[in-house]
Amino acid sequence: MRRMLNLLFIVLLSISVAACGAAKESGESGEQKPNAEAGNNNAAPKSGGTLRFAQNAEPTTLNPYIYSTFNDRNSFLPIFNSLMEYDPKTLKPVPGLIKEAKISGDGLVYELTVQSGVTFHNGKKLTADDIKYSLEKANAKEATRTNALLKSIKDIKVVDETHLTVTLSNKDSLLLDSFVEVFVTPNDPSIDHTKNPVGTGPFVFEKWSRNEKIVLKKNANYWKQGLPYLDSIEILTVPDAEVKNLQLMNGQVDVIDIVPTSKVAEVSKNPNLILAKIDDEVTVANHFLLMNNSKAPFNNVKFRQAVNYALDRNKMKASLFGNFVVRSSPVPSGDPNYNSSVPKYDKDIEKAKQLLKESGYNNEKMTLVYHKIDLMYDTIAQITEQSLKELGLNVELKGVEIAQWVESVFNQKQFDMALTGSTPKPNTVDMLNHMYGKQNGSAIQWSNKAWGDKLLGVSQLSPEEGSKVLKELQAEVLDQSPGIIVGGLVQAQGLSKKVHGFIPSPQQKMYFESVWKE
């Protein structure tokens, strides 16, 4: 017996974060309720206009299969559609370029139906062959953001132009959820998506003026009726956080990716602006401390635990004006699979020093590298350095540009310790897999096959059994501390009140498909 797509959502949501938690009342400030639209929700949308969106760094690529940063993703999001999408208000998976999925009774065969009437920006009609090509690209070895999510796929066969079958090696109840991360491109290897991407999304790539801006224009043939409203989007690179915020205040830009922590109160009280953010209880983003487990002293669990106990998370929260969640688990407390009994790693410098002594640390010199894309990261890095020196580590702090950070940490794996921000999908499996598997896991070089296999096996279990295993996995990985959750990452976006239809994302994705301007 085959089940329709909407029935599977019950399974998916049973292990998803309760992302629509209690909203904070905005009062007289311009703070937006989580998962609510910005602006006057009763006004009728208007078409036209250019949205100027400023972010803190230039993307390193526009290739949706091989990317590393928020800036990469937010730059190419308007250009592409994925197989499935998250409803931005509910975070429930809904059909994207896959219109329907029928799943066999044993859960091993997926019959997929392609959306009709969809064309790529180059005029090519979307077919099942393009879906197959895109799945294969997303499952390739170099696609470290997605290949771990698609490991269960054994075979893909095109039936006809609008149908294909995906056969799995084992049951994977999270597969459709994983399809949210699979963006679709034409089956044409000659296209260089790094510099000249071609998708089916609401906006068409027009030009990239390096170190200045990316220009996207409205897709007049977009398959979603009536969308998009905007005529164009300009994605500006503004590295200086204070300058970027000033441009928002002066009306030079319409949206900024991150409101500097020191300016959150000012923006929230400005009658012409809106502060859009997700509730702390459900934010899935993390400040993450990567440690190179392939070498000493980072390959010693007591050393890693010592670092975890040494971090002054409360000082970080105070220094970031509250825009930080004190936690050491990758799973937020609002998630139904959160394990409340795991170690909290509250600061305990005496315990940390004892663990450091037991680890045999011998004053080895080490470097802590971080990317300078926002003052928030400077603050986290400086307090982390202070904590590590208080512990007794011989550590040097080094701030670099994001492209250099990606190359040395993710690509070359030539680092001791590294700080970054990392945002998984809003389900518990990916909260763990994103931090300790996938790209982060590859960088920290932590080898625990049994833990990884158990995590990926959750998708084959019932929701009740899966929840039990997820709680066990949290306890195990927090004990091992191969990489450290420094705390929950809270980033507020700033918007002009002339911008409507914007909904903040727990993954910090900037969705402009339904945005319009007065």
Protein backbone atom coordinates (compact mmCIF):
# COMPACT_ATOMS: atom_id res chain seq x y z
CA MET A 1 0.00 0.00 0.00
CA ARG A 2 1.35 3.39 -0.95
CA ARG A 3 1.13 6.48 1.18
CA MET A 4 0.78 10.00 -0.08
CA LEU A 5 3.28 12.75 0.72
CA ASN A 6 1.18 14.59 3.29
CA LEU A 7 0.84 11.44 5.41
CA LEU A 8 4.59 11.17 5.72
CA PHE A 9 4.74 14.65 7.22
CA ILE A 10 3.43 13.19 10.48
CA VAL A 11 6.58 11.10 10.75
CA LEU A 12 8.83 13.99 9.76
CA LEU A 13 7.35 16.41 12.21
CA SER A 14 7.51 13.98 15.09
CA ILE A 15 11.29 14.40 15.14
CA SER A 16 11.40 18.05 14.16
CA VAL A 17 12.11 21.02 16.36
CA ALA A 18 9.07 22.81 17.69
CA ALA A 19 10.14 25.85 15.74
CA CYS A 20 6.98 27.83 16.16
CA GLY A 21 7.42 28.25 19.89
CA ALA A 22 5.99 31.04 21.99
CA ALA A 23 6.47 34.39 20.30
CA LYS A 24 7.82 37.36 22.15
CA GLU A 25 5.40 40.25 22.19
CA SER A 26 6.79 43.23 20.36
CA GLY A 27 5.19 45.92 22.49
CA GLU A 28 6.10 49.39 21.26
CA SER A 29 9.35 48.25 19.72
CA GLY A 30 9.79 47.17 16.17
CA GLU A 31 10.68 43.59 17.13
CA GLN A 32 8.96 41.02 14.99
CA LYS A 33 7.35 37.87 16.35
CA PRO A 34 9.14 34.70 15.26
CA ASN A 35 7.71 33.04 12.14
CA ALA A 36 5.46 36.02 11.48
CA GLU A 37 5.51 38.29 8.49
CA ALA A 38 7.11 41.69 8.75
CA GLY A 39 5.19 44.88 8.09
CA ASN A 40 1.47 45.45 7.68
CA ASN A 41 0.08 41.96 7.12
CA ASN A 42 -3.36 43.31 6.12
CA ALA A 43 -2.05 45.31 3.19
CA ALA A 44 -2.39 43.90 -0.31
CA PRO A 45 0.97 42.98 -1.88
CA LYS A 46 2.30 45.35 -4.51
CA SER A 47 4.47 44.38 -7.44
CA GLY A 48 7.62 46.19 -8.52
CA GLY A 49 10.68 47.77 -6.99
CA THR A 50 14.23 46.74 -6.15
CA LEU A 51 15.14 45.21 -2.80
CA ARG A 52 18.63 46.09 -1.59
CA PHE A 53 19.90 43.38 0.77
CA ALA A 54 23.27 43.88 2.50
CA GLN A 55 25.33 41.05 3.96
CA ASN A 56 28.66 41.01 5.70
CA ALA A 57 30.81 39.13 3.19
CA GLU A 58 30.93 38.26 -0.45
CA PRO A 59 29.92 34.68 -1.29
CA THR A 60 32.71 32.27 -2.15
CA THR A 61 30.51 30.53 -4.74
CA LEU A 62 26.98 30.42 -6.15
CA ASN A 63 27.13 26.67 -6.70
CA PRO A 64 24.24 25.10 -4.72
CA TYR A 65 26.03 21.75 -4.43
CA ILE A 66 29.37 22.93 -3.10
CA TYR A 67 29.13 25.84 -0.69
CA SER A 68 30.28 26.66 2.81
CA THR A 69 28.88 29.91 4.20
CA PHE A 70 25.62 31.69 5.01
CA ASN A 71 26.64 34.28 2.43
CA ASP A 72 26.95 31.63 -0.26
CA ARG A 73 23.53 30.20 0.49
CA ASN A 74 21.70 33.49 0.85
CA SER A 75 23.15 34.67 -2.45
CA PHE A 76 21.95 31.69 -4.46
CA LEU A 77 18.65 30.96 -2.65
CA PRO A 78 16.58 33.31 -4.85
CA ILE A 79 17.98 31.64 -7.99
CA PHE A 80 17.05 28.03 -7.23
CA ASN A 81 14.19 25.85 -6.07
CA SER A 82 14.67 22.66 -4.08
CA LEU A 83 12.89 19.32 -4.39
CA MET A 84 10.96 20.04 -1.21
CA GLU A 85 10.58 23.30 0.69
CA TYR A 86 9.89 24.34 4.25
CA ASP A 87 6.77 26.39 4.79
CA PRO A 88 8.50 29.44 6.35
CA LYS A 89 5.71 29.91 8.91
CA THR A 90 5.28 26.32 10.09
CA LEU A 91 8.57 24.72 9.01
CA LYS A 92 6.60 21.77 7.68
CA PRO A 93 8.01 20.24 4.49
CA VAL A 94 5.84 21.04 1.49
CA PRO A 95 6.21 20.18 -2.21
CA GLY A 96 8.83 22.06 -4.19
CA LEU A 97 9.89 20.84 -7.62
CA ILE A 98 8.59 17.43 -6.56
CA LYS A 99 4.81 17.72 -6.74
CA GLU A 100 4.02 14.34 -5.23
CA ALA A 101 5.77 11.36 -3.67
CA LYS A 102 4.30 7.89 -3.34
CA ILE A 103 6.16 5.59 -0.98
CA SER A 104 6.05 1.80 -1.01
CA GLY A 105 4.81 -0.07 2.03
CA ASP A 106 8.35 -1.13 2.97
CA GLY A 107 9.58 2.46 2.63
CA LEU A 108 12.25 1.57 0.09
CA VAL A 109 10.79 2.91 -3.17
CA TYR A 110 9.77 6.52 -3.80
CA GLU A 111 7.77 7.35 -6.92
CA LEU A 112 8.30 11.05 -7.57
CA THR A 113 6.19 13.30 -9.78
CA VAL A 114 7.80 16.46 -11.14
CA GLN A 115 6.07 19.83 -11.04
CA SER A 116 4.59 20.69 -14.42
CA GLY A 117 5.02 23.98 -16.28
CA VAL A 118 8.47 24.74 -14.86
CA THR A 119 11.29 26.11 -17.00
CA PHE A 120 14.89 26.93 -16.17
CA HIS A 121 16.18 30.46 -16.63
CA ASN A 122 17.85 29.39 -19.87
CA GLY A 123 14.48 28.33 -21.29
CA LYS A 124 14.94 24.58 -20.85
CA LYS A 125 11.88 22.66 -19.63
CA LEU A 126 12.27 20.92 -16.25
CA THR A 127 12.11 17.13 -16.58
CA ALA A 128 12.69 14.08 -14.41
CA ASP A 129 16.15 13.81 -15.97
CA ASP A 130 17.11 17.13 -14.34
CA ILE A 131 15.84 15.90 -10.97
CA LYS A 132 17.96 12.74 -11.29
CA TYR A 133 21.01 14.81 -12.27
CA SER A 134 20.53 17.16 -9.32
CA LEU A 135 20.13 14.31 -6.83
CA GLU A 136 23.34 12.75 -8.13
CA LYS A 137 25.20 16.06 -7.86
CA ALA A 138 23.92 16.56 -4.29
CA ASN A 139 25.01 13.01 -3.42
CA ALA A 140 28.51 13.34 -4.87
CA LYS A 141 31.58 13.08 -2.63
CA GLU A 142 32.39 16.78 -2.94
CA ALA A 143 28.85 17.83 -1.94
CA THR A 144 29.62 17.69 1.77
CA ARG A 145 26.55 19.72 2.75
CA THR A 146 24.15 17.10 1.42
CA ASN A 147 25.76 13.75 0.63
CA ALA A 148 25.45 12.51 4.21
CA LEU A 149 21.71 13.19 4.02
CA LEU A 150 21.30 11.07 0.90
CA LYS A 151 23.34 7.99 1.82
CA SER A 152 20.28 5.75 1.76
CA ILE A 153 19.78 6.26 -2.00
CA LYS A 154 20.76 3.14 -3.95
CA ASP A 155 19.34 3.83 -7.39
CA ILE A 156 17.52 6.52 -9.38
CA LYS A 157 15.61 5.72 -12.56
CA VAL A 158 13.78 8.08 -14.91
CA VAL A 159 10.40 6.65 -15.91
CA ASP A 160 9.34 9.44 -18.26
CA GLU A 161 9.57 13.24 -18.47
CA THR A 162 7.56 13.80 -15.30
CA HIS A 163 8.21 10.68 -13.22
CA LEU A 164 11.18 8.96 -11.61
CA THR A 165 11.73 6.32 -8.95
CA VAL A 166 14.26 6.48 -6.14
CA THR A 167 15.18 3.16 -4.54
CA LEU A 168 16.78 3.08 -1.10
CA SER A 169 19.17 0.60 0.45
CA ASN A 170 17.38 1.08 3.76
CA LYS A 171 14.29 2.86 5.04
CA ASP A 172 14.80 6.60 5.52
CA SER A 173 11.85 8.47 7.00
CA LEU A 174 13.83 11.72 6.76
CA LEU A 175 14.47 11.55 3.04
CA LEU A 176 11.78 14.03 2.01
CA ASP A 177 12.99 16.37 4.73
CA SER A 178 16.50 16.04 3.29
CA PHE A 179 15.12 16.94 -0.15
CA VAL A 180 14.71 20.50 1.18
CA GLU A 181 18.49 20.84 0.79
CA VAL A 182 18.64 19.48 -2.77
CA PHE A 183 18.56 22.36 -5.24
CA VAL A 184 17.76 21.67 -8.87
CA THR A 185 19.88 22.63 -11.87
CA PRO A 186 19.66 21.63 -15.55
CA ASN A 187 21.34 18.41 -16.65
CA ASP A 188 24.09 20.35 -18.38
CA PRO A 189 27.63 19.96 -16.97
CA SER A 190 28.86 22.83 -19.14
CA ILE A 191 27.08 25.39 -16.94
CA ASP A 192 29.39 26.97 -14.35
CA HIS A 193 27.08 27.54 -11.40
CA THR A 194 29.99 28.92 -9.40
CA LYS A 195 29.89 32.17 -11.39
CA ASN A 196 26.85 32.00 -13.67
CA PRO A 197 24.13 29.92 -12.00
CA VAL A 198 20.99 28.72 -13.77
CA GLY A 199 17.96 27.59 -11.78
CA THR A 200 14.17 27.68 -11.75
CA GLY A 201 13.83 30.13 -8.86
CA PRO A 202 11.93 33.42 -8.57
CA PHE A 203 14.96 35.48 -9.59
CA VAL A 204 17.41 35.19 -12.48
CA PHE A 205 21.12 35.80 -12.11
CA GLU A 206 22.14 38.91 -14.05
CA LYS A 207 25.63 39.96 -12.93
CA TRP A 208 28.20 39.75 -10.16
CA SER A 209 30.36 42.83 -9.58
CA ARG A 210 33.05 41.38 -7.35
CA ASN A 211 33.36 42.83 -3.85
CA GLU A 212 30.36 45.04 -4.56
CA LYS A 213 27.07 43.37 -5.42
CA ILE A 214 25.13 40.61 -7.14
CA VAL A 215 22.16 41.65 -9.25
CA LEU A 216 19.15 39.37 -9.71
CA LYS A 217 16.13 40.17 -11.86
CA LYS A 218 12.55 38.93 -11.68
CA ASN A 219 11.81 35.60 -13.32
CA ALA A 220 8.87 36.58 -15.52
CA ASN A 221 8.12 32.91 -16.21
CA TYR A 222 8.16 31.74 -12.60
CA TRP A 223 6.04 28.66 -12.04
CA LYS A 224 4.39 29.93 -8.85
CA GLN A 225 1.51 32.12 -9.99
CA GLY A 226 1.76 35.78 -9.04
CA LEU A 227 5.29 35.56 -7.65
CA PRO A 228 7.71 37.14 -7.19
CA TYR A 229 6.52 40.67 -6.43
CA LEU A 230 9.89 42.40 -6.66
CA ASP A 231 11.39 43.43 -9.99
CA SER A 232 14.94 42.84 -8.81
CA ILE A 233 17.25 42.19 -5.88
CA GLU A 234 20.66 43.67 -5.25
CA ILE A 235 22.79 41.65 -2.84
CA LEU A 236 25.41 44.03 -1.50
CA THR A 237 28.67 43.18 0.23
CA VAL A 238 29.20 45.48 3.23
CA PRO A 239 31.90 44.03 5.51
CA ASP A 240 31.73 46.76 8.15
CA ALA A 241 28.82 45.95 10.48
CA GLU A 242 28.49 49.51 11.71
CA VAL A 243 28.40 50.90 8.16
CA LYS A 244 25.84 48.30 7.13
CA ASN A 245 23.60 49.17 10.08
CA LEU A 246 23.93 52.88 9.33
CA GLN A 247 22.87 52.22 5.73
CA LEU A 248 19.73 50.50 7.05
CA MET A 249 19.00 53.42 9.39
CA ASN A 250 19.43 55.91 6.53
CA GLY A 251 17.30 53.94 4.08
CA GLN A 252 20.18 53.12 1.72
CA VAL A 253 19.41 49.40 2.05
CA ASP A 254 16.15 47.62 2.81
CA VAL A 255 17.35 44.51 4.65
CA ILE A 256 20.55 43.56 6.46
CA ASP A 257 21.56 40.02 7.35
CA ILE A 258 22.75 40.74 10.89
CA VAL A 259 21.97 43.64 13.19
CA PRO A 260 25.12 44.27 15.28
CA THR A 261 24.50 43.17 18.83
CA SER A 262 25.30 46.64 20.14
CA LYS A 263 22.59 48.09 17.87
CA VAL A 264 19.73 45.64 18.54
CA ALA A 265 17.98 47.87 21.07
CA GLU A 266 18.35 50.93 18.83
CA VAL A 267 16.92 49.15 15.80
CA SER A 268 14.02 47.62 17.74
CA LYS A 269 12.97 51.10 18.97
CA ASN A 270 13.23 52.79 15.58
CA PRO A 271 9.68 53.40 14.24
CA ASN A 272 10.90 53.00 10.66
CA LEU A 273 12.57 49.62 11.17
CA ILE A 274 11.71 46.05 12.14
CA LEU A 275 13.91 43.67 14.12
CA ALA A 276 13.21 40.12 12.91
CA LYS A 277 14.47 37.21 14.99
CA ILE A 278 13.69 33.65 16.08
CA ASP A 279 12.87 32.79 19.68
CA ASP A 280 15.85 31.64 21.77
CA GLU A 281 14.14 28.41 22.82
CA VAL A 282 13.98 27.11 19.26
CA THR A 283 16.96 28.63 17.48
CA VAL A 284 18.95 25.82 15.87
CA ALA A 285 22.02 27.92 15.00
CA ASN A 286 25.19 27.50 17.04
CA HIS A 287 28.53 29.07 17.73
CA PHE A 288 30.82 26.10 17.19
CA LEU A 289 34.40 25.47 18.28
CA LEU A 290 36.06 22.98 15.94
CA MET A 291 39.06 21.07 17.25
CA ASN A 292 41.39 19.07 15.03
CA ASN A 293 40.91 15.58 16.49
CA SER A 294 43.61 14.16 14.21
CA LYS A 295 46.43 15.45 16.40
CA ALA A 296 47.43 16.05 20.00
CA PRO A 297 46.30 17.44 22.32
CA PHE A 298 42.89 17.64 20.63
CA ASN A 299 42.64 13.87 20.22
CA ASN A 300 42.41 13.51 24.01
CA VAL A 301 38.87 13.49 25.38
CA LYS A 302 39.91 14.94 28.75
CA PHE A 303 41.58 17.87 26.99
CA ARG A 304 38.38 18.54 25.03
CA GLN A 305 36.23 18.27 28.15
CA ALA A 306 38.58 20.70 29.92
CA VAL A 307 38.03 23.25 27.16
CA ASN A 308 34.26 22.77 27.40
CA TYR A 309 34.23 23.40 31.16
CA ALA A 310 36.50 26.44 30.79
CA LEU A 311 34.26 28.47 28.47
CA ASP A 312 32.59 31.49 30.05
CA ARG A 313 29.23 31.33 28.27
CA ASN A 314 27.50 33.71 30.67
CA LYS A 315 30.08 36.39 29.89
CA MET A 316 29.41 35.84 26.19
CA LYS A 317 25.68 36.37 26.70
CA ALA A 318 26.27 39.55 28.69
CA SER A 319 28.78 40.88 26.17
CA LEU A 320 26.38 40.23 23.29
CA PHE A 321 23.55 42.08 25.04
CA GLY A 322 21.57 38.88 25.48
CA ASN A 323 21.81 37.83 21.83
CA PHE A 324 23.33 34.48 22.73
CA VAL A 325 21.84 31.30 24.19
CA VAL A 326 23.80 29.74 27.03
CA ARG A 327 23.92 26.06 26.09
CA SER A 328 26.42 23.33 25.29
CA SER A 329 24.08 21.02 23.40
CA PRO A 330 23.38 21.26 19.66
CA VAL A 331 19.74 20.47 20.41
CA PRO A 332 17.72 23.44 21.73
CA SER A 333 15.61 22.97 24.83
CA GLY A 334 12.43 23.54 22.80
CA ASP A 335 13.06 20.42 20.72
CA PRO A 336 10.94 17.38 21.66
CA ASN A 337 14.04 15.17 21.51
CA TYR A 338 16.16 17.37 23.78
CA ASN A 339 17.97 15.38 26.48
CA SER A 340 17.72 17.46 29.65
CA SER A 341 20.06 15.16 31.58
CA VAL A 342 23.15 15.67 29.41
CA PRO A 343 26.17 17.54 30.82
CA LYS A 344 25.54 21.30 30.80
CA TYR A 345 29.25 22.23 30.97
CA ASP A 346 28.64 25.22 33.21
CA LYS A 347 31.92 27.02 33.78
CA ASP A 348 34.02 25.14 36.34
CA ILE A 349 37.61 26.27 36.01
CA GLU A 350 38.92 24.01 38.78
CA LYS A 351 37.39 20.92 37.19
CA ALA A 352 38.68 22.09 33.82
CA LYS A 353 42.24 22.44 35.15
CA GLN A 354 42.10 18.99 36.72
CA LEU A 355 40.97 17.45 33.42
CA LEU A 356 43.71 19.36 31.60
CA LYS A 357 46.30 17.95 34.01
CA GLU A 358 44.97 14.41 33.49
CA SER A 359 45.12 14.89 29.72
CA GLY A 360 48.91 15.30 29.85
CA TYR A 361 48.88 18.71 28.15
CA ASN A 362 52.46 19.97 27.98
CA ASN A 363 52.06 23.66 27.10
CA GLU A 364 51.86 22.96 23.36
CA LYS A 365 51.36 26.18 21.40
CA MET A 366 48.11 26.37 19.43
CA THR A 367 46.19 28.82 17.26
CA LEU A 368 42.50 29.65 17.49
CA VAL A 369 41.32 30.95 14.12
CA TYR A 370 38.00 32.68 13.48
CA HIS A 371 36.39 34.54 10.59
CA LYS A 372 35.93 38.29 10.81
CA ILE A 373 32.50 38.70 9.24
CA ASP A 374 30.74 40.35 12.18
CA LEU A 375 31.64 41.92 15.50
CA MET A 376 29.70 39.12 17.19
CA TYR A 377 32.36 36.64 16.10
CA ASP A 378 35.12 38.94 17.38
CA THR A 379 33.42 39.00 20.78
CA ILE A 380 32.98 35.23 20.94
CA ALA A 381 36.58 34.70 19.83
CA GLN A 382 38.03 37.10 22.39
CA ILE A 383 36.11 35.62 25.32
CA THR A 384 37.00 32.10 24.17
CA GLU A 385 40.67 33.11 24.07
CA GLN A 386 40.40 34.57 27.58
CA SER A 387 38.75 31.38 28.84
CA LEU A 388 41.43 29.17 27.30
CA LYS A 389 44.25 31.27 28.72
CA GLU A 390 42.60 31.13 32.15
CA LEU A 391 42.60 27.35 31.75
CA GLY A 392 46.33 27.52 31.08
CA LEU A 393 46.54 26.96 27.35
CA ASN A 394 49.27 28.48 25.24
CA VAL A 395 46.89 29.89 22.63
CA GLU A 396 47.15 32.60 19.98
CA LEU A 397 44.03 34.22 18.46
CA LYS A 398 43.93 34.83 14.72
CA GLY A 399 41.14 36.52 12.77
CA VAL A 400 40.96 36.03 9.00
CA GLU A 401 38.60 36.70 6.11
CA ILE A 402 35.88 34.11 5.55
CA ALA A 403 37.35 32.78 2.29
CA GLN A 404 40.69 32.12 3.99
CA TRP A 405 38.94 30.47 6.94
CA VAL A 406 37.01 28.11 4.65
CA GLU A 407 40.14 27.17 2.73
CA SER A 408 42.30 26.41 5.77
CA VAL A 409 39.63 24.75 7.95
CA PHE A 410 37.13 23.05 5.65
CA ASN A 411 39.25 22.45 2.56
CA GLN A 412 42.81 21.92 3.80
CA LYS A 413 41.99 20.93 7.41
CA GLN A 414 45.13 22.78 8.47
CA PHE A 415 44.15 24.22 11.85
CA ASP A 416 44.28 23.62 15.59
CA MET A 417 41.02 25.17 16.80
CA ALA A 418 38.53 27.21 14.80
CA LEU A 419 35.38 29.17 15.62
CA THR A 420 32.40 29.54 13.32
CA GLY A 421 28.65 29.78 13.21
CA SER A 422 26.75 26.72 11.99
CA THR A 423 23.07 26.20 11.25
CA PRO A 424 21.49 22.75 10.77
CA LYS A 425 18.07 21.91 9.42
CA PRO A 426 15.23 22.09 11.99
CA ASN A 427 15.18 18.38 12.80
CA THR A 428 17.08 16.65 15.56
CA VAL A 429 18.97 14.24 13.33
CA ASP A 430 20.51 17.09 11.35
CA MET A 431 21.20 19.10 14.49
CA LEU A 432 23.60 16.33 15.46
CA ASN A 433 24.76 15.36 11.98
CA HIS A 434 25.42 18.96 10.94
CA MET A 435 27.73 19.59 13.89
CA TYR A 436 29.57 16.26 14.11
CA GLY A 437 29.11 14.81 10.61
CA LYS A 438 28.92 16.43 7.19
CA GLN A 439 31.31 19.34 6.61
CA ASN A 440 32.05 20.11 10.27
CA GLY A 441 32.64 16.44 11.03
CA SER A 442 35.01 16.14 8.11
CA ALA A 443 36.97 19.15 9.36
CA ILE A 444 37.31 18.02 12.98
CA GLN A 445 38.25 14.51 11.80
CA TRP A 446 36.44 12.79 14.64
CA SER A 447 36.10 9.11 13.87
CA ASN A 448 33.25 7.29 15.59
CA LYS A 449 31.58 5.04 13.04
CA ALA A 450 29.27 3.41 15.56
CA TRP A 451 27.89 6.81 16.64
CA GLY A 452 27.44 7.92 13.04
CA ASP A 453 25.75 4.70 11.97
CA LYS A 454 23.40 4.87 14.93
CA LEU A 455 22.48 8.45 14.06
CA LEU A 456 21.76 7.69 10.43
CA GLY A 457 19.79 4.63 11.52
CA VAL A 458 17.28 6.81 13.38
CA SER A 459 15.41 7.38 10.13
CA GLN A 460 14.53 3.68 10.08
CA LEU A 461 12.96 3.72 13.55
CA SER A 462 9.55 4.66 14.90
CA PRO A 463 9.29 8.19 16.34
CA GLU A 464 9.34 6.82 19.90
CA GLU A 465 12.38 4.60 19.31
CA GLY A 466 14.09 7.36 17.35
CA SER A 467 13.63 9.87 20.17
CA LYS A 468 15.22 7.49 22.67
CA VAL A 469 18.24 6.93 20.43
CA LEU A 470 18.64 10.66 19.74
CA LYS A 471 18.80 11.37 23.45
CA GLU A 472 21.44 8.66 23.88
CA LEU A 473 23.48 10.10 21.02
CA GLN A 474 23.36 13.57 22.58
CA ALA A 475 24.74 12.21 25.82
CA GLU A 476 27.54 10.33 24.07
CA VAL A 477 28.72 13.17 21.84
CA LEU A 478 28.60 15.74 24.64
CA ASP A 479 30.72 13.45 26.77
CA GLN A 480 33.24 13.05 23.95
CA SER A 481 33.17 16.77 22.98
CA PRO A 482 34.89 16.29 19.58
CA GLY A 483 33.71 19.77 18.74
CA ILE A 484 32.15 22.17 21.22
CA ILE A 485 28.85 24.01 21.13
CA VAL A 486 29.94 27.36 22.47
CA GLY A 487 26.32 28.54 22.62
CA GLY A 488 23.19 29.23 20.64
CA LEU A 489 23.73 31.72 17.85
CA VAL A 490 21.12 34.47 17.76
CA GLN A 491 21.14 36.77 14.78
CA ALA A 492 18.49 39.38 14.17
CA GLN A 493 17.80 40.73 10.72
CA GLY A 494 17.02 44.40 10.26
CA LEU A 495 14.31 45.54 7.83
CA SER A 496 12.80 48.74 6.64
CA LYS A 497 9.11 48.97 7.54
CA LYS A 498 8.49 49.41 3.85
CA VAL A 499 9.41 45.73 3.44
CA HIS A 500 6.57 43.23 3.77
CA GLY A 501 6.28 39.46 3.68
CA PHE A 502 9.68 38.67 5.19
CA ILE A 503 9.74 35.75 7.63
CA PRO A 504 12.88 34.99 9.69
CA SER A 505 14.26 31.47 9.41
CA PRO A 506 15.78 29.29 12.15
CA GLN A 507 18.42 28.44 9.55
CA GLN A 508 19.05 32.13 8.81
CA LYS A 509 17.89 31.63 5.25
CA MET A 510 16.83 34.82 3.52
CA TYR A 511 13.63 34.10 1.61
CA PHE A 512 12.55 36.87 -0.78
CA GLU A 513 10.11 34.97 -2.98
CA SER A 514 7.03 36.54 -1.33
CA VAL A 515 8.59 39.82 -0.20
CA TRP A 516 7.23 43.12 -1.50
CA LYS A 517 7.91 46.81 -0.91
CA GLU A 518 5.72 49.84 -0.45
